[in-house]
Amino acid sequence: MFISANKLMHYSIHATDDKVGGIRDILFDDETHVVRYLVADTNTWLPLSRKVVISPISVTQLDCDDGHVNINMTVDTLKNSPSIDEHKPVSREYEENLFKYFGYGYYWIGPGAWGEFAHPNELVELQREEEDNNTREKKENHLRACDEVSGYEVSTSNENVGHISDFVINTNTWSIVLLIVDTNNWLPGGKHLALLPTDIQEIDWAAHSVKVGMPDNALLERPEVDTDRLSETGYVEKLLSEI
């Protein structure tokens, strides 16, 4: 199944015993383009607006009709998980503490998007393994927030052509398969065009821009994306085949 990040950030969260607020943001890896965490808005159920994150490993179902995410933990389990500072990057030390708390295997051990595996749920039963300290030190953190990158200008090889307006996520692998470029601030009327993660040459965090390896006319030839059709069978696959 595919879903837009903008839509997912309006979903509520259902634990096994109660509702626990909603999704506030999505953290992804800017190298592998895999969603690592959903940031939970705790205003309605935790004091002092304590922020916590939910790994896709714990997601059991996305209900697109009712707009909620089911997770395989209780409210208390999530409430007592390590908190984050939403204004600072998520550190590897924090991730290690989080994964130890939930008993997950580390996704950064192994060549795949989820360690040795392709899908997050395959890490659920994996027990923690001993790591090589050098491997841990060399593995850098590349987590970024979808809410942060939305609005970044998109620069082709010859000019700025618009901005990032959304992300398309494969909820089977939790990978970002498309970024959507809004050209409204560059073309009259504007379009919402499909951009592949592999098109990106660099994300300049200081300049708030995304540099892509193509001229503007090549980007304009990309298919337009209708986010209301993302759940239609075969729609995203058709977009990908046209690129």
Protein backbone atom coordinates (compact mmCIF):
# COMPACT_ATOMS: atom_id res chain seq x y z
CA MET A 1 0.00 0.00 0.00
CA PHE A 2 1.11 3.56 -0.66
CA ILE A 3 0.30 6.72 1.27
CA SER A 4 1.39 10.35 1.21
CA ALA A 5 3.34 11.70 4.17
CA ASN A 6 0.97 14.66 4.44
CA LYS A 7 -1.98 12.31 4.83
CA LEU A 8 -0.18 10.04 7.29
CA MET A 9 0.65 13.02 9.51
CA HIS A 10 -3.08 13.43 10.14
CA TYR A 11 -3.61 9.84 11.30
CA SER A 12 -4.48 9.01 14.89
CA ILE A 13 -2.64 6.26 16.80
CA HIS A 14 -4.40 3.28 18.35
CA ALA A 15 -2.53 1.23 20.95
CA THR A 16 -3.81 -2.21 21.96
CA ASP A 17 -5.80 -0.75 24.86
CA ASP A 18 -6.66 2.83 23.90
CA LYS A 19 -6.12 5.74 21.50
CA VAL A 20 -2.86 7.60 22.12
CA GLY A 21 -2.90 10.83 20.15
CA GLY A 22 -1.77 11.31 16.57
CA ILE A 23 1.21 11.36 14.22
CA ARG A 24 2.97 14.71 14.24
CA ASP A 25 5.94 14.05 11.93
CA ILE A 26 7.87 11.35 10.07
CA LEU A 27 11.62 10.79 10.39
CA PHE A 28 13.42 9.24 7.41
CA ASP A 29 16.98 8.29 6.53
CA ASP A 30 18.34 10.69 3.91
CA GLU A 31 20.69 8.02 2.51
CA THR A 32 18.42 4.99 2.26
CA HIS A 33 15.14 7.00 2.06
CA VAL A 34 13.49 4.64 4.54
CA VAL A 35 11.04 5.85 7.19
CA ARG A 36 12.56 5.06 10.59
CA TYR A 37 10.11 6.65 13.03
CA LEU A 38 6.67 8.20 13.39
CA VAL A 39 6.69 11.08 15.88
CA ALA A 40 3.72 10.89 18.25
CA ASP A 41 1.88 14.04 19.32
CA THR A 42 1.29 13.41 23.02
CA ASN A 43 -0.62 16.57 23.90
CA THR A 44 -3.88 14.72 24.59
CA TRP A 45 -2.52 11.83 26.67
CA LEU A 46 0.86 12.69 28.27
CA PRO A 47 1.62 15.58 30.63
CA LEU A 48 3.91 18.41 29.53
CA SER A 49 3.67 17.32 25.88
CA ARG A 50 6.39 14.66 26.17
CA LYS A 51 7.47 13.54 22.67
CA VAL A 52 7.98 9.88 21.78
CA VAL A 53 8.64 8.03 18.52
CA ILE A 54 7.13 4.86 17.09
CA SER A 55 9.13 2.56 14.85
CA PRO A 56 7.33 1.04 11.82
CA ILE A 57 8.35 -2.28 13.39
CA SER A 58 5.48 -1.81 15.86
CA VAL A 59 2.85 -0.84 13.25
CA THR A 60 0.38 -3.67 12.67
CA GLN A 61 -2.15 -1.94 10.41
CA LEU A 62 -2.95 1.31 8.65
CA ASP A 63 -6.68 1.96 8.44
CA CYS A 64 -7.09 4.33 5.51
CA ASP A 65 -10.87 4.50 5.86
CA ASP A 66 -10.81 5.73 9.46
CA GLY A 67 -7.39 7.40 9.26
CA HIS A 68 -5.57 5.67 12.09
CA VAL A 69 -2.49 3.52 12.74
CA ASN A 70 -2.66 0.41 14.93
CA ILE A 71 0.45 -0.41 16.98
CA ASN A 72 1.27 -3.59 18.93
CA MET A 73 1.91 -2.02 22.32
CA THR A 74 -0.07 -0.63 25.23
CA VAL A 75 -0.39 3.01 26.16
CA ASP A 76 1.85 2.48 29.19
CA THR A 77 4.56 0.81 27.10
CA LEU A 78 4.67 3.77 24.74
CA LYS A 79 4.32 6.28 27.57
CA ASN A 80 7.38 4.89 29.33
CA SER A 81 9.56 4.68 26.21
CA PRO A 82 12.60 7.00 25.88
CA SER A 83 11.50 10.56 25.10
CA ILE A 84 13.03 12.78 22.43
CA ASP A 85 13.76 16.46 22.02
CA GLU A 86 11.94 17.35 18.80
CA HIS A 87 14.31 20.27 18.19
CA LYS A 88 17.44 18.09 18.11
CA PRO A 89 18.49 15.26 15.76
CA VAL A 90 17.79 11.75 16.98
CA SER A 91 21.14 10.33 18.09
CA ARG A 92 22.34 6.77 17.56
CA GLU A 93 22.65 6.46 21.36
CA TYR A 94 18.96 7.31 21.67
CA GLU A 95 18.10 4.75 18.97
CA GLU A 96 20.07 2.05 20.79
CA ASN A 97 18.21 2.80 24.02
CA LEU A 98 14.89 2.78 22.17
CA PHE A 99 15.54 -0.55 20.45
CA LYS A 100 16.77 -2.12 23.69
CA TYR A 101 13.57 -0.94 25.41
CA PHE A 102 11.32 -2.50 22.78
CA GLY A 103 13.52 -5.56 22.23
CA TYR A 104 13.99 -4.99 18.51
CA GLY A 105 17.02 -5.99 16.47
CA TYR A 106 19.14 -3.07 15.23
CA TYR A 107 18.26 -2.03 11.68
CA TRP A 108 21.76 -0.60 11.12
CA ILE A 109 23.40 -4.03 11.39
CA GLY A 110 23.36 -5.51 7.91
CA PRO A 111 23.15 -4.39 4.27
CA GLY A 112 19.37 -4.15 3.88
CA ALA A 113 16.92 -1.34 4.60
CA TRP A 114 16.08 -3.12 7.87
CA GLY A 115 19.41 -4.69 8.75
CA GLU A 116 19.50 -8.19 7.29
CA PHE A 117 15.89 -7.86 6.14
CA ALA A 118 13.74 -5.98 3.65
CA HIS A 119 10.71 -5.50 5.90
CA PRO A 120 10.51 -3.95 9.40
CA ASN A 121 8.33 -6.66 10.93
CA GLU A 122 11.13 -9.20 10.38
CA LEU A 123 13.12 -7.43 13.12
CA VAL A 124 10.42 -8.00 15.74
CA GLU A 125 11.62 -11.46 16.81
CA LEU A 126 15.31 -10.77 16.27
CA GLN A 127 17.22 -10.68 19.54
CA ARG A 128 19.89 -8.05 20.12
CA GLU A 129 23.29 -9.14 18.80
CA GLU A 130 26.74 -8.07 19.87
CA GLU A 131 28.11 -5.27 17.69
CA ASP A 132 31.58 -4.38 16.56
CA ASN A 133 32.42 -1.04 18.19
CA ASN A 134 34.12 0.23 15.05
CA THR A 135 30.99 -0.45 13.00
CA ARG A 136 28.93 1.51 15.47
CA GLU A 137 31.28 4.50 15.35
CA LYS A 138 31.41 4.60 11.56
CA LYS A 139 27.63 4.44 11.12
CA GLU A 140 26.47 8.05 10.93
CA ASN A 141 23.02 9.30 11.71
CA HIS A 142 21.08 10.55 8.67
CA LEU A 143 17.61 11.05 10.12
CA ARG A 144 15.56 13.97 8.79
CA ALA A 145 11.96 15.09 9.28
CA CYS A 146 9.46 15.12 6.43
CA ASP A 147 7.93 18.26 7.90
CA GLU A 148 11.36 19.93 7.72
CA VAL A 149 12.09 18.97 4.11
CA SER A 150 8.60 19.90 2.88
CA GLY A 151 8.97 23.39 1.43
CA TYR A 152 12.64 22.99 0.46
CA GLU A 153 13.33 24.50 -2.97
CA VAL A 154 14.13 22.10 -5.79
CA SER A 155 17.12 23.13 -7.91
CA THR A 156 17.78 21.55 -11.30
CA SER A 157 21.04 21.95 -13.19
CA ASN A 158 19.94 25.34 -14.49
CA GLU A 159 17.42 26.92 -12.08
CA ASN A 160 15.00 26.54 -9.18
CA VAL A 161 11.74 25.01 -10.36
CA GLY A 162 9.56 24.61 -7.28
CA HIS A 163 9.58 23.03 -3.85
CA ILE A 164 9.06 19.66 -2.17
CA SER A 165 5.40 19.39 -1.16
CA ASP A 166 4.96 15.72 -0.19
CA PHE A 167 6.41 12.21 -0.03
CA VAL A 168 4.95 8.91 -1.24
CA ILE A 169 5.62 6.02 1.16
CA ASN A 170 5.42 2.29 0.52
CA THR A 171 3.92 1.04 3.79
CA ASN A 172 5.11 -2.52 3.14
CA THR A 173 8.81 -1.65 3.26
CA TRP A 174 8.34 1.88 4.71
CA SER A 175 10.53 3.29 1.97
CA ILE A 176 9.99 6.63 0.25
CA VAL A 177 9.39 5.80 -3.41
CA LEU A 178 8.58 9.29 -4.69
CA LEU A 179 8.95 12.93 -3.68
CA ILE A 180 6.41 15.38 -5.06
CA VAL A 181 7.59 18.70 -6.51
CA ASP A 182 5.12 21.59 -6.52
CA THR A 183 6.01 23.98 -9.38
CA ASN A 184 3.35 26.55 -8.46
CA ASN A 185 5.95 29.19 -7.54
CA TRP A 186 7.66 28.72 -10.92
CA LEU A 187 4.94 27.90 -13.49
CA PRO A 188 1.52 29.59 -13.79
CA GLY A 189 -1.03 27.16 -12.37
CA GLY A 190 1.71 24.82 -11.23
CA LYS A 191 2.02 21.04 -11.35
CA HIS A 192 2.77 18.28 -8.86
CA LEU A 193 5.55 16.26 -10.44
CA ALA A 194 7.15 12.94 -9.48
CA LEU A 195 10.74 12.91 -8.31
CA LEU A 196 12.67 9.73 -7.50
CA PRO A 197 14.86 9.61 -4.39
CA THR A 198 17.70 8.55 -6.69
CA ASP A 199 17.30 11.83 -8.62
CA ILE A 200 18.57 13.73 -5.60
CA GLN A 201 22.22 14.76 -5.74
CA GLU A 202 22.28 16.68 -2.48
CA ILE A 203 20.03 17.98 0.25
CA ASP A 204 21.45 21.28 1.45
CA TRP A 205 20.12 21.63 4.98
CA ALA A 206 21.61 25.11 5.47
CA ALA A 207 20.15 26.50 2.23
CA HIS A 208 16.88 24.55 2.57
CA SER A 209 17.18 23.18 -0.95
CA VAL A 210 17.18 19.88 -2.80
CA LYS A 211 19.53 19.60 -5.78
CA VAL A 212 18.57 17.15 -8.53
CA GLY A 213 20.67 15.86 -11.40
CA MET A 214 18.59 16.97 -14.36
CA PRO A 215 17.68 20.14 -16.31
CA ASP A 216 14.31 21.79 -15.73
CA ASN A 217 12.83 20.51 -19.01
CA ALA A 218 13.53 16.91 -17.93
CA LEU A 219 11.73 17.48 -14.65
CA LEU A 220 8.75 18.97 -16.50
CA GLU A 221 8.42 15.73 -18.45
CA ARG A 222 7.87 13.76 -15.27
CA PRO A 223 4.32 12.47 -14.65
CA GLU A 224 1.94 14.48 -12.50
CA VAL A 225 0.94 12.95 -9.16
CA ASP A 226 -2.63 12.85 -7.87
CA THR A 227 -2.26 12.10 -4.15
CA ASP A 228 -5.97 11.20 -3.93
CA ARG A 229 -5.26 8.20 -6.17
CA LEU A 230 -2.26 6.77 -4.29
CA SER A 231 -4.31 3.97 -2.75
CA GLU A 232 -5.64 2.86 -6.15
CA THR A 233 -4.28 -0.50 -7.24
CA GLY A 234 -1.47 -0.05 -9.73
CA TYR A 235 -1.47 3.77 -9.69
CA VAL A 236 1.95 4.31 -8.10
CA GLU A 237 3.45 1.47 -10.11
CA LYS A 238 2.18 3.19 -13.26
CA LEU A 239 3.81 6.48 -12.21
CA LEU A 240 7.10 4.71 -11.56
CA SER A 241 6.97 2.99 -14.96
CA GLU A 242 6.56 6.36 -16.68
CA ILE A 243 9.74 7.81 -15.21
